[in-house]
Amino acid sequence: MFTPTPASTELFAEICDRRGIEPSVMFEIMCRHFAVKEFLFGLQDNMPFGKYKGLRIEDIIRADPAYIRWLCGESDKFDLSKAAWEFLLDFFPIKEDVSTDH
């Protein structure tokens, strides 16, 4: 069972806030996602398989961030370290307040 640490709770809150995702929805996704992962890859690690085999994770994120995001959701054997997740998130837009109230 996943037991949140203070660091994971802080990261969880930041992701929800930055992406405009309801915490209950994000919690369900994260519990399913992290419960089955076998390996965590950092930015300097090399991709062990797939179309980018042998390339550094950081370089793949720079070239094709959508691929890494997809892979994290699809593979039971691939996930990113906290630093790599934070780097990846920088490649996707943050939901901004678009209210028209002035």
Protein backbone atom coordinates (compact mmCIF):
# COMPACT_ATOMS: atom_id res chain seq x y z
CA MET A 1 0.00 0.00 0.00
CA PHE A 2 1.20 3.53 -0.80
CA THR A 3 1.95 5.60 2.30
CA PRO A 4 2.48 9.31 1.55
CA THR A 5 5.56 11.01 2.96
CA PRO A 6 5.71 14.77 3.59
CA ALA A 7 7.69 15.20 0.36
CA SER A 8 5.23 13.18 -1.73
CA THR A 9 2.29 15.02 -0.17
CA GLU A 10 3.88 18.37 -1.02
CA LEU A 11 4.58 17.28 -4.60
CA PHE A 12 1.03 15.93 -4.91
CA ALA A 13 -0.46 19.25 -3.79
CA GLU A 14 1.81 21.20 -6.15
CA ILE A 15 0.91 19.04 -9.15
CA CYS A 16 -2.81 19.34 -8.42
CA ASP A 17 -2.56 23.09 -8.01
CA ARG A 18 -0.35 23.71 -11.05
CA ARG A 19 -2.42 21.49 -13.32
CA GLY A 20 -5.88 22.37 -12.03
CA ILE A 21 -6.67 18.74 -11.18
CA GLU A 22 -9.03 17.80 -8.37
CA PRO A 23 -7.03 16.15 -5.56
CA SER A 24 -9.41 13.17 -5.33
CA VAL A 25 -8.99 12.41 -9.03
CA MET A 26 -5.22 12.83 -8.89
CA PHE A 27 -4.98 10.66 -5.78
CA GLU A 28 -6.78 7.79 -7.50
CA ILE A 29 -4.55 8.07 -10.57
CA MET A 30 -1.36 8.19 -8.52
CA CYS A 31 -2.32 5.24 -6.31
CA ARG A 32 -2.95 3.05 -9.35
CA HIS A 33 0.11 4.36 -11.13
CA PHE A 34 2.77 4.10 -8.43
CA ALA A 35 1.53 0.82 -6.98
CA VAL A 36 2.74 -1.21 -9.95
CA LYS A 37 5.95 0.48 -11.10
CA GLU A 38 9.17 -1.47 -10.91
CA PHE A 39 11.86 1.02 -11.91
CA LEU A 40 12.43 4.74 -11.41
CA PHE A 41 14.59 6.56 -13.95
CA GLY A 42 16.44 9.81 -13.38
CA LEU A 43 17.41 12.45 -15.91
CA GLN A 44 20.91 11.01 -16.43
CA ASP A 45 19.75 7.40 -16.84
CA ASN A 46 19.65 5.78 -20.27
CA MET A 47 16.41 4.43 -21.74
CA PRO A 48 16.71 0.63 -21.61
CA PHE A 49 14.16 -0.14 -24.35
CA GLY A 50 11.91 1.26 -27.06
CA LYS A 51 12.47 3.72 -29.86
CA TYR A 52 14.85 5.83 -27.74
CA LYS A 53 16.88 2.92 -26.36
CA GLY A 54 20.31 4.10 -25.16
CA LEU A 55 19.47 7.82 -24.99
CA ARG A 56 19.44 9.78 -21.73
CA ILE A 57 16.00 10.38 -20.21
CA GLU A 58 16.69 14.14 -20.10
CA ASP A 59 17.40 14.21 -23.84
CA ILE A 60 14.25 12.23 -24.60
CA ILE A 61 12.14 14.58 -22.49
CA ARG A 62 13.57 17.56 -24.36
CA ALA A 63 12.90 15.95 -27.76
CA ASP A 64 9.60 14.17 -27.10
CA PRO A 65 8.05 14.91 -23.68
CA ALA A 66 4.68 13.45 -24.74
CA TYR A 67 6.35 10.07 -25.32
CA ILE A 68 7.75 9.98 -21.79
CA ARG A 69 4.42 11.08 -20.29
CA TRP A 70 2.67 8.35 -22.30
CA LEU A 71 5.24 5.72 -21.32
CA CYS A 72 4.86 6.50 -17.62
CA GLY A 73 1.14 5.80 -17.91
CA GLU A 74 1.46 2.69 -20.06
CA SER A 75 4.45 0.75 -18.78
CA ASP A 76 4.55 -1.23 -15.54
CA LYS A 77 8.34 -1.11 -15.69
CA PHE A 78 8.98 2.57 -16.21
CA ASP A 79 8.55 5.67 -14.07
CA LEU A 80 10.48 8.82 -13.33
CA SER A 81 12.29 10.05 -10.26
CA LYS A 82 10.90 13.17 -8.58
CA ALA A 83 13.48 15.39 -10.30
CA ALA A 84 12.69 13.88 -13.69
CA TRP A 85 8.93 14.36 -13.13
CA GLU A 86 9.48 18.01 -12.22
CA PHE A 87 11.58 18.48 -15.36
CA LEU A 88 8.92 16.77 -17.49
CA LEU A 89 6.12 18.91 -16.06
CA ASP A 90 7.91 22.04 -17.27
CA PHE A 91 7.18 20.93 -20.85
CA PHE A 92 3.40 21.01 -20.39
CA PRO A 93 1.36 24.20 -19.96
CA ILE A 94 0.00 25.16 -16.58
CA LYS A 95 -3.72 25.78 -16.40
CA GLU A 96 -4.23 29.51 -15.99
CA ASP A 97 -7.19 31.45 -14.62
CA VAL A 98 -9.14 32.66 -17.64
CA SER A 99 -12.04 34.28 -15.79
CA THR A 100 -13.45 37.41 -17.36
CA ASP A 101 -14.44 39.11 -14.10
CA HIS A 102 -12.80 42.52 -13.80
